[in-house]
Amino acid sequence: MAGATQDLFTDWGPDWSVYNQSYDPKTDLTETQKQRVIALGRLVTGASDAEFAATIGDYVDLDDFARYFAVLVWLANHDSLLQNGQNFYTYLNPDTNRMHFIAWDQDFAFGNTRNNGG
C-alpha cells in the first residue's frame, strides 16, 4: 500500500471505503486484511500508552520498522515519515499479518531541500 495522505494509521471508523483512497492498495485486499489495517488505525489513534506498547508489535514488524526508521533518520529526509508522513509503502505480510515499511522517493535525502538559499 502506498500512503496518499498525512493521516495514515488514523481511526476513520469501520468502513473500508473511507480508507481505500488514502491507503491506495496495490493489490486486492481480503476482508481480513482490510479489518487488520482498520484495527491498526484504532490502536494508533485511541489506545492508552500501555495498550499501545503491549500490542503494536502484533501489528507492525518492529525490527523491520526500527531498521527503516534508523536509515530514514540517518538520511535526514524530511519529505518522509519524519515530517509529512509520506513517501513510503507499507506491506501487510500475509504470513505474519504485520506491517513492513518500504522507503520510496528519497530525492530529498541528506538534508537536500527544494530551497537551498543562496
PDB file of N, CA and C in Angstrom:
ATOM      1  N   MET A   1       0.838  -1.170   0.000  1.00  0.00           N
ATOM      2  CA  MET A   1       0.000   0.000   0.000  1.00  0.00           C
ATOM      3  C   MET A   1       0.884   1.235   0.000  1.00  0.00           C
ATOM      4  N   ALA A   2       0.427   2.235  -0.656  1.00  0.00           N
ATOM      5  CA  ALA A   2       1.154   3.498  -0.696  1.00  0.00           C
ATOM      6  C   ALA A   2       0.380   4.533   0.088  1.00  0.00           C
ATOM      7  N   GLY A   3       1.075   5.258   0.920  1.00  0.00           N
ATOM      8  CA  GLY A   3       0.421   6.304   1.693  1.00  0.00           C
ATOM      9  C   GLY A   3       0.143   7.514   0.831  1.00  0.00           C
ATOM     10  N   ALA A   4      -1.127   7.874   0.701  1.00  0.00           N
ATOM     11  CA  ALA A   4      -1.503   9.033  -0.094  1.00  0.00           C
ATOM     12  C   ALA A   4      -2.094  10.133   0.782  1.00  0.00           C
ATOM     13  N   THR A   5      -1.779  10.103   2.051  1.00  0.00           N
ATOM     14  CA  THR A   5      -2.269  11.101   2.990  1.00  0.00           C
ATOM     15  C   THR A   5      -1.271  11.238   4.131  1.00  0.00           C
ATOM     16  N   GLN A   6      -1.353  12.331   4.837  1.00  0.00           N
ATOM     17  CA  GLN A   6      -0.514  12.521   6.016  1.00  0.00           C
ATOM     18  C   GLN A   6      -1.172  11.940   7.261  1.00  0.00           C
ATOM     19  N   ASP A   7      -2.357  11.395   7.115  1.00  0.00           N
ATOM     20  CA  ASP A   7      -3.121  10.903   8.257  1.00  0.00           C
ATOM     21  C   ASP A   7      -3.246   9.387   8.298  1.00  0.00           C
ATOM     22  N   LEU A   8      -2.268   8.667   7.774  1.00  0.00           N
ATOM     23  CA  LEU A   8      -2.334   7.213   7.845  1.00  0.00           C
ATOM     24  C   LEU A   8      -2.343   6.764   9.294  1.00  0.00           C
ATOM     25  N   PHE A   9      -2.841   5.581   9.503  1.00  0.00           N
ATOM     26  CA  PHE A   9      -2.912   4.973  10.834  1.00  0.00           C
ATOM     27  C   PHE A   9      -3.821   5.783  11.755  1.00  0.00           C
ATOM     28  N   THR A  10      -4.882   6.313  11.173  1.00  0.00           N
ATOM     29  CA  THR A  10      -5.903   7.054  11.894  1.00  0.00           C
ATOM     30  C   THR A  10      -7.179   6.216  11.888  1.00  0.00           C
ATOM     31  N   ASP A  11      -7.948   6.316  12.939  1.00  0.00           N
ATOM     32  CA  ASP A  11      -9.228   5.615  13.009  1.00  0.00           C
ATOM     33  C   ASP A  11     -10.283   6.458  12.309  1.00  0.00           C
ATOM     34  N   TRP A  12     -10.706   6.001  11.132  1.00  0.00           N
ATOM     35  CA  TRP A  12     -11.754   6.674  10.374  1.00  0.00           C
ATOM     36  C   TRP A  12     -13.049   5.879  10.423  1.00  0.00           C
ATOM     37  N   GLY A  13     -13.176   4.989  11.386  1.00  0.00           N
ATOM     38  CA  GLY A  13     -14.389   4.200  11.520  1.00  0.00           C
ATOM     39  C   GLY A  13     -14.257   2.830  10.874  1.00  0.00           C
ATOM     40  N   PRO A  14     -15.340   2.062  10.843  1.00  0.00           N
ATOM     41  CA  PRO A  14     -15.275   0.663  10.426  1.00  0.00           C
ATOM     42  C   PRO A  14     -15.426   0.409   8.921  1.00  0.00           C
ATOM     43  N   ASP A  15     -15.697   1.430   8.117  1.00  0.00           N
ATOM     44  CA  ASP A  15     -15.976   1.254   6.690  1.00  0.00           C
ATOM     45  C   ASP A  15     -14.698   1.399   5.860  1.00  0.00           C
ATOM     46  N   TRP A  16     -14.278   0.303   5.204  1.00  0.00           N
ATOM     47  CA  TRP A  16     -13.032   0.313   4.428  1.00  0.00           C
ATOM     48  C   TRP A  16     -13.031   1.357   3.323  1.00  0.00           C
ATOM     49  N   SER A  17     -14.180   1.672   2.749  1.00  0.00           N
ATOM     50  CA  SER A  17     -14.206   2.617   1.624  1.00  0.00           C
ATOM     51  C   SER A  17     -13.623   3.974   2.018  1.00  0.00           C
ATOM     52  N   VAL A  18     -13.692   4.327   3.281  1.00  0.00           N
ATOM     53  CA  VAL A  18     -13.109   5.584   3.761  1.00  0.00           C
ATOM     54  C   VAL A  18     -11.580   5.514   3.727  1.00  0.00           C
ATOM     55  N   TYR A  19     -11.016   4.332   3.892  1.00  0.00           N
ATOM     56  CA  TYR A  19      -9.567   4.124   3.954  1.00  0.00           C
ATOM     57  C   TYR A  19      -8.947   3.913   2.566  1.00  0.00           C
ATOM     58  N   ASN A  20      -9.709   3.364   1.650  1.00  0.00           N
ATOM     59  CA  ASN A  20      -9.157   2.879   0.385  1.00  0.00           C
ATOM     60  C   ASN A  20      -8.362   3.930  -0.374  1.00  0.00           C
ATOM     61  N   GLN A  21      -8.897   5.130  -0.543  1.00  0.00           N
ATOM     62  CA  GLN A  21      -8.209   6.183  -1.294  1.00  0.00           C
ATOM     63  C   GLN A  21      -6.882   6.566  -0.630  1.00  0.00           C
ATOM     64  N   SER A  22      -6.882   6.689   0.691  1.00  0.00           N
ATOM     65  CA  SER A  22      -5.678   7.120   1.399  1.00  0.00           C
ATOM     66  C   SER A  22      -4.603   6.053   1.419  1.00  0.00           C
ATOM     67  N   TYR A  23      -4.995   4.784   1.535  1.00  0.00           N
ATOM     68  CA  TYR A  23      -4.007   3.709   1.576  1.00  0.00           C
ATOM     69  C   TYR A  23      -3.597   3.254   0.184  1.00  0.00           C
ATOM     70  N   ASP A  24      -4.428   3.470  -0.789  1.00  0.00           N
ATOM     71  CA  ASP A  24      -4.113   3.164  -2.185  1.00  0.00           C
ATOM     72  C   ASP A  24      -3.491   1.773  -2.341  1.00  0.00           C
ATOM     73  N   PRO A  25      -4.220   0.721  -1.975  1.00  0.00           N
ATOM     74  CA  PRO A  25      -3.637  -0.630  -2.068  1.00  0.00           C
ATOM     75  C   PRO A  25      -3.265  -0.988  -3.499  1.00  0.00           C
ATOM     76  N   LYS A  26      -2.149  -1.645  -3.655  1.00  0.00           N
ATOM     77  CA  LYS A  26      -1.647  -2.047  -4.974  1.00  0.00           C
ATOM     78  C   LYS A  26      -2.099  -3.456  -5.347  1.00  0.00           C
ATOM     79  N   THR A  27      -2.738  -4.149  -4.418  1.00  0.00           N
ATOM     80  CA  THR A  27      -3.322  -5.463  -4.669  1.00  0.00           C
ATOM     81  C   THR A  27      -4.714  -5.473  -4.045  1.00  0.00           C
ATOM     82  N   ASP A  28      -5.483  -6.463  -4.406  1.00  0.00           N
ATOM     83  CA  ASP A  28      -6.790  -6.613  -3.773  1.00  0.00           C
ATOM     84  C   ASP A  28      -6.600  -7.169  -2.367  1.00  0.00           C
ATOM     85  N   LEU A  29      -7.126  -6.472  -1.386  1.00  0.00           N
ATOM     86  CA  LEU A  29      -7.018  -6.915  -0.006  1.00  0.00           C
ATOM     87  C   LEU A  29      -8.211  -7.792   0.349  1.00  0.00           C
ATOM     88  N   THR A  30      -7.959  -8.780   1.172  1.00  0.00           N
ATOM     89  CA  THR A  30      -9.050  -9.589   1.697  1.00  0.00           C
ATOM     90  C   THR A  30      -9.788  -8.775   2.757  1.00  0.00           C
ATOM     91  N   GLU A  31     -10.972  -9.205   3.118  1.00  0.00           N
ATOM     92  CA  GLU A  31     -11.705  -8.527   4.182  1.00  0.00           C
ATOM     93  C   GLU A  31     -10.912  -8.562   5.491  1.00  0.00           C
ATOM     94  N   THR A  32     -10.239  -9.683   5.743  1.00  0.00           N
ATOM     95  CA  THR A  32      -9.422  -9.804   6.956  1.00  0.00           C
ATOM     96  C   THR A  32      -8.289  -8.788   6.948  1.00  0.00           C
ATOM     97  N   GLN A  33      -7.633  -8.584   5.799  1.00  0.00           N
ATOM     98  CA  GLN A  33      -6.551  -7.605   5.704  1.00  0.00           C
ATOM     99  C   GLN A  33      -7.081  -6.186   5.890  1.00  0.00           C
ATOM    100  N   LYS A  34      -8.234  -5.899   5.305  1.00  0.00           N
ATOM    101  CA  LYS A  34      -8.834  -4.573   5.486  1.00  0.00           C
ATOM    102  C   LYS A  34      -9.125  -4.321   6.962  1.00  0.00           C
ATOM    103  N   GLN A  35      -9.687  -5.299   7.631  1.00  0.00           N
ATOM    104  CA  GLN A  35     -10.001  -5.148   9.052  1.00  0.00           C
ATOM    105  C   GLN A  35      -8.735  -5.001   9.887  1.00  0.00           C
ATOM    106  N   ARG A  36      -7.658  -5.624   9.448  1.00  0.00           N
ATOM    107  CA  ARG A  36      -6.376  -5.513  10.157  1.00  0.00           C
ATOM    108  C   ARG A  36      -5.856  -4.076  10.082  1.00  0.00           C
ATOM    109  N   VAL A  37      -5.937  -3.472   8.917  1.00  0.00           N
ATOM    110  CA  VAL A  37      -5.497  -2.080   8.744  1.00  0.00           C
ATOM    111  C   VAL A  37      -6.378  -1.142   9.571  1.00  0.00           C
ATOM    112  N   ILE A  38      -7.669  -1.370   9.556  1.00  0.00           N
ATOM    113  CA  ILE A  38      -8.595  -0.560  10.351  1.00  0.00           C
ATOM    114  C   ILE A  38      -8.272  -0.694  11.842  1.00  0.00           C
ATOM    115  N   ALA A  39      -8.001  -1.923  12.287  1.00  0.00           N
ATOM    116  CA  ALA A  39      -7.668  -2.153  13.702  1.00  0.00           C
ATOM    117  C   ALA A  39      -6.369  -1.443  14.086  1.00  0.00           C
ATOM    118  N   LEU A  40      -5.399  -1.403  13.172  1.00  0.00           N
ATOM    119  CA  LEU A  40      -4.156  -0.677  13.447  1.00  0.00           C
ATOM    120  C   LEU A  40      -4.443   0.810  13.633  1.00  0.00           C
ATOM    121  N   GLY A  41      -5.296   1.370  12.798  1.00  0.00           N
ATOM    122  CA  GLY A  41      -5.686   2.774  12.955  1.00  0.00           C
ATOM    123  C   GLY A  41      -6.353   3.034  14.289  1.00  0.00           C
ATOM    124  N   ARG A  42      -7.213   2.105  14.704  1.00  0.00           N
ATOM    125  CA  ARG A  42      -7.870   2.240  16.018  1.00  0.00           C
ATOM    126  C   ARG A  42      -6.845   2.208  17.139  1.00  0.00           C
ATOM    127  N   LEU A  43      -5.877   1.300  17.026  1.00  0.00           N
ATOM    128  CA  LEU A  43      -4.840   1.187  18.053  1.00  0.00           C
ATOM    129  C   LEU A  43      -4.013   2.469  18.135  1.00  0.00           C
ATOM    130  N   VAL A  44      -3.537   2.957  16.990  1.00  0.00           N
ATOM    131  CA  VAL A  44      -2.681   4.144  16.966  1.00  0.00           C
ATOM    132  C   VAL A  44      -3.446   5.373  17.454  1.00  0.00           C
ATOM    133  N   THR A  45      -4.703   5.479  17.084  1.00  0.00           N
ATOM    134  CA  THR A  45      -5.494   6.662  17.420  1.00  0.00           C
ATOM    135  C   THR A  45      -5.985   6.670  18.857  1.00  0.00           C
ATOM    136  N   GLY A  46      -6.411   5.515  19.371  1.00  0.00           N
ATOM    137  CA  GLY A  46      -7.120   5.558  20.630  1.00  0.00           C
ATOM    138  C   GLY A  46      -6.587   4.742  21.782  1.00  0.00           C
ATOM    139  N   ALA A  47      -5.533   3.991  21.583  1.00  0.00           N
ATOM    140  CA  ALA A  47      -5.044   3.131  22.666  1.00  0.00           C
ATOM    141  C   ALA A  47      -4.341   3.947  23.751  1.00  0.00           C
ATOM    142  N   SER A  48      -4.414   3.445  24.955  1.00  0.00           N
ATOM    143  CA  SER A  48      -3.610   4.034  26.028  1.00  0.00           C
ATOM    144  C   SER A  48      -2.145   3.720  25.738  1.00  0.00           C
ATOM    145  N   ASP A  49      -1.243   4.408  26.399  1.00  0.00           N
ATOM    146  CA  ASP A  49       0.186   4.141  26.201  1.00  0.00           C
ATOM    147  C   ASP A  49       0.511   2.684  26.510  1.00  0.00           C
ATOM    148  N   ALA A  50      -0.056   2.168  27.584  1.00  0.00           N
ATOM    149  CA  ALA A  50       0.231   0.790  27.994  1.00  0.00           C
ATOM    150  C   ALA A  50      -0.307  -0.209  26.964  1.00  0.00           C
ATOM    151  N   GLU A  51      -1.534   0.024  26.480  1.00  0.00           N
ATOM    152  CA  GLU A  51      -2.109  -0.870  25.466  1.00  0.00           C
ATOM    153  C   GLU A  51      -1.311  -0.809  24.173  1.00  0.00           C
ATOM    154  N   PHE A  52      -0.935   0.403  23.770  1.00  0.00           N
ATOM    155  CA  PHE A  52      -0.146   0.572  22.550  1.00  0.00           C
ATOM    156  C   PHE A  52       1.173  -0.194  22.661  1.00  0.00           C
ATOM    157  N   ALA A  53       1.898   0.006  23.744  1.00  0.00           N
ATOM    158  CA  ALA A  53       3.189  -0.660  23.940  1.00  0.00           C
ATOM    159  C   ALA A  53       3.039  -2.175  23.954  1.00  0.00           C
ATOM    160  N   ALA A  54       1.950  -2.654  24.526  1.00  0.00           N
ATOM    161  CA  ALA A  54       1.748  -4.098  24.639  1.00  0.00           C
ATOM    162  C   ALA A  54       1.340  -4.751  23.328  1.00  0.00           C
ATOM    163  N   THR A  55       0.721  -3.998  22.398  1.00  0.00           N
ATOM    164  CA  THR A  55       0.155  -4.639  21.212  1.00  0.00           C
ATOM    165  C   THR A  55       0.678  -4.155  19.869  1.00  0.00           C
ATOM    166  N   ILE A  56       1.413  -3.051  19.807  1.00  0.00           N
ATOM    167  CA  ILE A  56       1.869  -2.559  18.500  1.00  0.00           C
ATOM    168  C   ILE A  56       2.700  -3.608  17.763  1.00  0.00           C
ATOM    169  N   GLY A  57       3.453  -4.400  18.466  1.00  0.00           N
ATOM    170  CA  GLY A  57       4.258  -5.450  17.834  1.00  0.00           C
ATOM    171  C   GLY A  57       3.430  -6.545  17.195  1.00  0.00           C
ATOM    172  N   ASP A  58       2.160  -6.618  17.521  1.00  0.00           N
ATOM    173  CA  ASP A  58       1.259  -7.564  16.862  1.00  0.00           C
ATOM    174  C   ASP A  58       0.834  -7.055  15.491  1.00  0.00           C
ATOM    175  N   TYR A  59       0.968  -5.749  15.253  1.00  0.00           N
ATOM    176  CA  TYR A  59       0.521  -5.124  14.008  1.00  0.00           C
ATOM    177  C   TYR A  59       1.662  -4.693  13.090  1.00  0.00           C
ATOM    178  N   VAL A  60       2.799  -4.360  13.680  1.00  0.00           N
ATOM    179  CA  VAL A  60       3.944  -3.839  12.922  1.00  0.00           C
ATOM    180  C   VAL A  60       5.161  -4.689  13.253  1.00  0.00           C
ATOM    181  N   ASP A  61       5.907  -5.080  12.220  1.00  0.00           N
ATOM    182  CA  ASP A  61       7.163  -5.787  12.458  1.00  0.00           C
ATOM    183  C   ASP A  61       8.143  -4.756  13.017  1.00  0.00           C
ATOM    184  N   LEU A  62       8.342  -4.764  14.315  1.00  0.00           N
ATOM    185  CA  LEU A  62       9.113  -3.710  14.978  1.00  0.00           C
ATOM    186  C   LEU A  62      10.593  -3.731  14.617  1.00  0.00           C
ATOM    187  N   ASP A  63      11.178  -4.903  14.399  1.00  0.00           N
ATOM    188  CA  ASP A  63      12.582  -4.948  13.963  1.00  0.00           C
ATOM    189  C   ASP A  63      12.721  -4.300  12.595  1.00  0.00           C
ATOM    190  N   ASP A  64      11.822  -4.624  11.692  1.00  0.00           N
ATOM    191  CA  ASP A  64      11.830  -4.034  10.355  1.00  0.00           C
ATOM    192  C   ASP A  64      11.637  -2.521  10.447  1.00  0.00           C
ATOM    193  N   PHE A  65      10.678  -2.087  11.259  1.00  0.00           N
ATOM    194  CA  PHE A  65      10.413  -0.663  11.403  1.00  0.00           C
ATOM    195  C   PHE A  65      11.610   0.070  12.003  1.00  0.00           C
ATOM    196  N   ALA A  66      12.269  -0.530  12.970  1.00  0.00           N
ATOM    197  CA  ALA A  66      13.444   0.098  13.591  1.00  0.00           C
ATOM    198  C   ALA A  66      14.553   0.300  12.559  1.00  0.00           C
ATOM    199  N   ARG A  67      14.786  -0.689  11.715  1.00  0.00           N
ATOM    200  CA  ARG A  67      15.803  -0.540  10.661  1.00  0.00           C
ATOM    201  C   ARG A  67      15.403   0.549   9.677  1.00  0.00           C
ATOM    202  N   TYR A  68      14.159   0.512   9.234  1.00  0.00           N
ATOM    203  CA  TYR A  68      13.663   1.517   8.298  1.00  0.00           C
ATOM    204  C   TYR A  68      13.820   2.915   8.895  1.00  0.00           C
ATOM    205  N   PHE A  69      13.376   3.097  10.120  1.00  0.00           N
ATOM    206  CA  PHE A  69      13.399   4.418  10.740  1.00  0.00           C
ATOM    207  C   PHE A  69      14.823   4.892  11.015  1.00  0.00           C
ATOM    208  N   ALA A  70      15.711   4.000  11.413  1.00  0.00           N
ATOM    209  CA  ALA A  70      17.107   4.380  11.655  1.00  0.00           C
ATOM    210  C   ALA A  70      17.754   4.909  10.378  1.00  0.00           C
ATOM    211  N   VAL A  71      17.519   4.244   9.269  1.00  0.00           N
ATOM    212  CA  VAL A  71      18.080   4.707   7.992  1.00  0.00           C
ATOM    213  C   VAL A  71      17.428   6.022   7.585  1.00  0.00           C
ATOM    214  N   LEU A  72      16.126   6.152   7.792  1.00  0.00           N
ATOM    215  CA  LEU A  72      15.422   7.384   7.455  1.00  0.00           C
ATOM    216  C   LEU A  72      15.995   8.572   8.224  1.00  0.00           C
ATOM    217  N   VAL A  73      16.252   8.388   9.499  1.00  0.00           N
ATOM    218  CA  VAL A  73      16.851   9.457  10.310  1.00  0.00           C
ATOM    219  C   VAL A  73      18.256   9.767   9.816  1.00  0.00           C
ATOM    220  N   TRP A  74      19.032   8.752   9.503  1.00  0.00           N
ATOM    221  CA  TRP A  74      20.391   8.957   9.009  1.00  0.00           C
ATOM    222  C   TRP A  74      20.381   9.735   7.700  1.00  0.00           C
ATOM    223  N   LEU A  75      19.398   9.439   6.828  1.00  0.00           N
ATOM    224  CA  LEU A  75      19.299  10.144   5.553  1.00  0.00           C
ATOM    225  C   LEU A  75      18.838  11.588   5.719  1.00  0.00           C
ATOM    226  N   ALA A  76      18.212  11.897   6.851  1.00  0.00           N
ATOM    227  CA  ALA A  76      17.688  13.242   7.129  1.00  0.00           C
ATOM    228  C   ALA A  76      16.731  13.710   6.042  1.00  0.00           C
ATOM    229  N   ASN A  77      15.878  12.801   5.575  1.00  0.00           N
ATOM    230  CA  ASN A  77      14.899  13.142   4.554  1.00  0.00           C
ATOM    231  C   ASN A  77      13.609  13.585   5.233  1.00  0.00           C
ATOM    232  N   HIS A  78      13.379  14.884   5.238  1.00  0.00           N
ATOM    233  CA  HIS A  78      12.189  15.407   5.901  1.00  0.00           C
ATOM    234  C   HIS A  78      10.943  15.286   5.027  1.00  0.00           C
ATOM    235  N   ASP A  79      11.117  14.946   3.749  1.00  0.00           N
ATOM    236  CA  ASP A  79       9.993  14.667   2.859  1.00  0.00           C
ATOM    237  C   ASP A  79       9.663  13.176   3.011  1.00  0.00           C
ATOM    238  N   SER A  80       9.300  12.797   4.232  1.00  0.00           N
ATOM    239  CA  SER A  80       9.151  11.382   4.558  1.00  0.00           C
ATOM    240  C   SER A  80       8.261  11.226   5.787  1.00  0.00           C
ATOM    241  N   LEU A  81       8.280  10.053   6.342  1.00  0.00           N
ATOM    242  CA  LEU A  81       7.552   9.771   7.576  1.00  0.00           C
ATOM    243  C   LEU A  81       8.025  10.681   8.716  1.00  0.00           C
ATOM    244  N   LEU A  82       9.238  11.221   8.622  1.00  0.00           N
ATOM    245  CA  LEU A  82       9.770  12.099   9.670  1.00  0.00           C
ATOM    246  C   LEU A  82       8.976  13.389   9.819  1.00  0.00           C
ATOM    247  N   GLN A  83       8.452  13.905   8.711  1.00  0.00           N
ATOM    248  CA  GLN A  83       7.793  15.199   8.798  1.00  0.00           C
ATOM    249  C   GLN A  83       6.386  15.178   8.227  1.00  0.00           C
ATOM    250  N   ASN A  84       6.240  14.800   6.969  1.00  0.00           N
ATOM    251  CA  ASN A  84       4.922  14.918   6.358  1.00  0.00           C
ATOM    252  C   ASN A  84       4.182  13.594   6.227  1.00  0.00           C
ATOM    253  N   GLY A  85       4.766  12.521   6.724  1.00  0.00           N
ATOM    254  CA  GLY A  85       4.084  11.240   6.744  1.00  0.00           C
ATOM    255  C   GLY A  85       3.888  10.591   5.401  1.00  0.00           C
ATOM    256  N   GLN A  86       4.767  10.901   4.436  1.00  0.00           N
ATOM    257  CA  GLN A  86       4.601  10.353   3.104  1.00  0.00           C
ATOM    258  C   GLN A  86       5.903   9.721   2.609  1.00  0.00           C
ATOM    259  N   ASN A  87       5.847   9.248   1.372  1.00  0.00           N
ATOM    260  CA  ASN A  87       6.996   8.682   0.659  1.00  0.00           C
ATOM    261  C   ASN A  87       7.486   7.375   1.250  1.00  0.00           C
ATOM    262  N   PHE A  88       6.543   6.491   1.466  1.00  0.00           N
ATOM    263  CA  PHE A  88       6.865   5.128   1.856  1.00  0.00           C
ATOM    264  C   PHE A  88       5.707   4.234   1.459  1.00  0.00           C
ATOM    265  N   TYR A  89       6.014   2.985   1.333  1.00  0.00           N
ATOM    266  CA  TYR A  89       4.988   1.964   1.123  1.00  0.00           C
ATOM    267  C   TYR A  89       4.907   1.120   2.385  1.00  0.00           C
ATOM    268  N   THR A  90       3.745   0.548   2.605  1.00  0.00           N
ATOM    269  CA  THR A  90       3.616  -0.455   3.655  1.00  0.00           C
ATOM    270  C   THR A  90       3.227  -1.761   2.983  1.00  0.00           C
ATOM    271  N   TYR A  91       3.657  -2.839   3.588  1.00  0.00           N
ATOM    272  CA  TYR A  91       3.350  -4.171   3.097  1.00  0.00           C
ATOM    273  C   TYR A  91       2.798  -4.979   4.255  1.00  0.00           C
ATOM    274  N   LEU A  92       1.588  -5.450   4.115  1.00  0.00           N
ATOM    275  CA  LEU A  92       0.980  -6.290   5.132  1.00  0.00           C
ATOM    276  C   LEU A  92       1.323  -7.736   4.788  1.00  0.00           C
ATOM    277  N   ASN A  93       2.307  -8.264   5.488  1.00  0.00           N
ATOM    278  CA  ASN A  93       2.808  -9.609   5.215  1.00  0.00           C
ATOM    279  C   ASN A  93       1.703 -10.622   5.523  1.00  0.00           C
ATOM    280  N   PRO A  94       1.276 -11.402   4.530  1.00  0.00           N
ATOM    281  CA  PRO A  94       0.183 -12.348   4.769  1.00  0.00           C
ATOM    282  C   PRO A  94       0.567 -13.495   5.696  1.00  0.00           C
ATOM    283  N   ASP A  95       1.858 -13.767   5.851  1.00  0.00           N
ATOM    284  CA  ASP A  95       2.293 -14.851   6.731  1.00  0.00           C
ATOM    285  C   ASP A  95       2.317 -14.432   8.200  1.00  0.00           C
ATOM    286  N   THR A  96       2.711 -13.187   8.463  1.00  0.00           N
ATOM    287  CA  THR A  96       2.819 -12.718   9.852  1.00  0.00           C
ATOM    288  C   THR A  96       1.687 -11.784  10.259  1.00  0.00           C
ATOM    289  N   ASN A  97       0.974 -11.240   9.256  1.00  0.00           N
ATOM    290  CA  ASN A  97      -0.106 -10.285   9.497  1.00  0.00           C
ATOM    291  C   ASN A  97       0.415  -8.996  10.134  1.00  0.00           C
ATOM    292  N   ARG A  98       1.682  -8.678   9.836  1.00  0.00           N
ATOM    293  CA  ARG A  98       2.305  -7.459  10.364  1.00  0.00           C
ATOM    294  C   ARG A  98       2.732  -6.545   9.221  1.00  0.00           C
ATOM    295  N   MET A  99       2.701  -5.253   9.488  1.00  0.00           N
ATOM    296  CA  MET A  99       3.113  -4.248   8.515  1.00  0.00           C
ATOM    297  C   MET A  99       4.632  -4.142   8.444  1.00  0.00           C
ATOM    298  N   HIS A 100       5.112  -3.961   7.228  1.00  0.00           N
ATOM    299  CA  HIS A 100       6.511  -3.655   6.954  1.00  0.00           C
ATOM    300  C   HIS A 100       6.541  -2.319   6.214  1.00  0.00           C
ATOM    301  N   PHE A 101       7.611  -1.576   6.377  1.00  0.00           N
ATOM    302  CA  PHE A 101       7.749  -0.266   5.753  1.00  0.00           C
ATOM    303  C   PHE A 101       8.845  -0.315   4.702  1.00  0.00           C
ATOM    304  N   ILE A 102       8.567   0.290   3.552  1.00  0.00           N
ATOM    305  CA  ILE A 102       9.497   0.292   2.424  1.00  0.00           C
ATOM    306  C   ILE A 102       9.703   1.739   1.993  1.00  0.00           C
ATOM    307  N   ALA A 103      10.948   2.175   1.975  1.00  0.00           N
ATOM    308  CA  ALA A 103      11.268   3.549   1.586  1.00  0.00           C
ATOM    309  C   ALA A 103      10.948   3.774   0.109  1.00  0.00           C
ATOM    310  N   TRP A 104      10.551   4.984  -0.205  1.00  0.00           N
ATOM    311  CA  TRP A 104      10.259   5.380  -1.570  1.00  0.00           C
ATOM    312  C   TRP A 104      10.507   6.870  -1.712  1.00  0.00           C
ATOM    313  N   ASP A 105      10.949   7.302  -2.884  1.00  0.00           N
ATOM    314  CA  ASP A 105      11.121   8.719  -3.216  1.00  0.00           C
ATOM    315  C   ASP A 105      12.026   9.428  -2.210  1.00  0.00           C
ATOM    316  N   GLN A 106      13.276   9.070  -2.216  1.00  0.00           N
ATOM    317  CA  GLN A 106      14.255   9.622  -1.275  1.00  0.00           C
ATOM    318  C   GLN A 106      15.101  10.737  -1.898  1.00  0.00           C
ATOM    319  N   ASP A 107      14.513  11.493  -2.841  1.00  0.00           N
ATOM    320  CA  ASP A 107      15.276  12.522  -3.543  1.00  0.00           C
ATOM    321  C   ASP A 107      15.656  13.718  -2.676  1.00  0.00           C
ATOM    322  N   PHE A 108      15.094  13.830  -1.490  1.00  0.00           N
ATOM    323  CA  PHE A 108      15.488  14.916  -0.588  1.00  0.00           C
ATOM    324  C   PHE A 108      16.325  14.397   0.576  1.00  0.00           C
ATOM    325  N   ALA A 109      17.000  13.284   0.355  1.00  0.00           N
ATOM    326  CA  ALA A 109      17.829  12.687   1.391  1.00  0.00           C
ATOM    327  C   ALA A 109      19.049  13.559   1.687  1.00  0.00           C
ATOM    328  N   PHE A 110      19.632  13.326   2.839  1.00  0.00           N
ATOM    329  CA  PHE A 110      20.820  14.028   3.318  1.00  0.00           C
ATOM    330  C   PHE A 110      20.602  15.534   3.425  1.00  0.00           C
ATOM    331  N   GLY A 111      19.384  15.914   3.808  1.00  0.00           N
ATOM    332  CA  GLY A 111      19.094  17.322   4.044  1.00  0.00           C
ATOM    333  C   GLY A 111      18.855  18.133   2.796  1.00  0.00           C
ATOM    334  N   ASN A 112      18.876  17.515   1.619  1.00  0.00           N
ATOM    335  CA  ASN A 112      18.617  18.237   0.387  1.00  0.00           C
ATOM    336  C   ASN A 112      17.187  18.759   0.412  1.00  0.00           C
ATOM    337  N   THR A 113      17.023  20.039   0.116  1.00  0.00           N
ATOM    338  CA  THR A 113      15.694  20.639   0.079  1.00  0.00           C
ATOM    339  C   THR A 113      15.495  21.379  -1.218  1.00  0.00           C
ATOM    340  N   ARG A 114      14.276  21.738  -1.492  1.00  0.00           N
ATOM    341  CA  ARG A 114      13.965  22.469  -2.726  1.00  0.00           C
ATOM    342  C   ARG A 114      14.507  23.891  -2.684  1.00  0.00           C
ATOM    343  N   ASN A 115      14.611  24.470  -1.514  1.00  0.00           N
ATOM    344  CA  ASN A 115      15.028  25.850  -1.374  1.00  0.00           C
ATOM    345  C   ASN A 115      16.349  25.881  -0.604  1.00  0.00           C
ATOM    346  N   ASN A 116      17.454  25.787  -1.319  1.00  0.00           N
ATOM    347  CA  ASN A 116      18.765  25.760  -0.683  1.00  0.00           C
ATOM    348  C   ASN A 116      19.301  27.152  -0.359  1.00  0.00           C
ATOM    349  N   GLY A 117      18.569  28.179  -0.765  1.00  0.00           N
ATOM    350  CA  GLY A 117      19.030  29.557  -0.467  1.00  0.00           C
ATOM    351  C   GLY A 117      20.275  29.918  -1.256  1.00  0.00           C
ATOM    352  N   GLY A 118      20.686  31.084  -1.142  1.00  0.00           N
ATOM    353  CA  GLY A 118      21.897  31.383  -1.852  1.00  0.00           C
ATOM    354  C   GLY A 118      22.177  32.749  -2.004  1.00  0.00           C
TER     355      GLY A 118
END
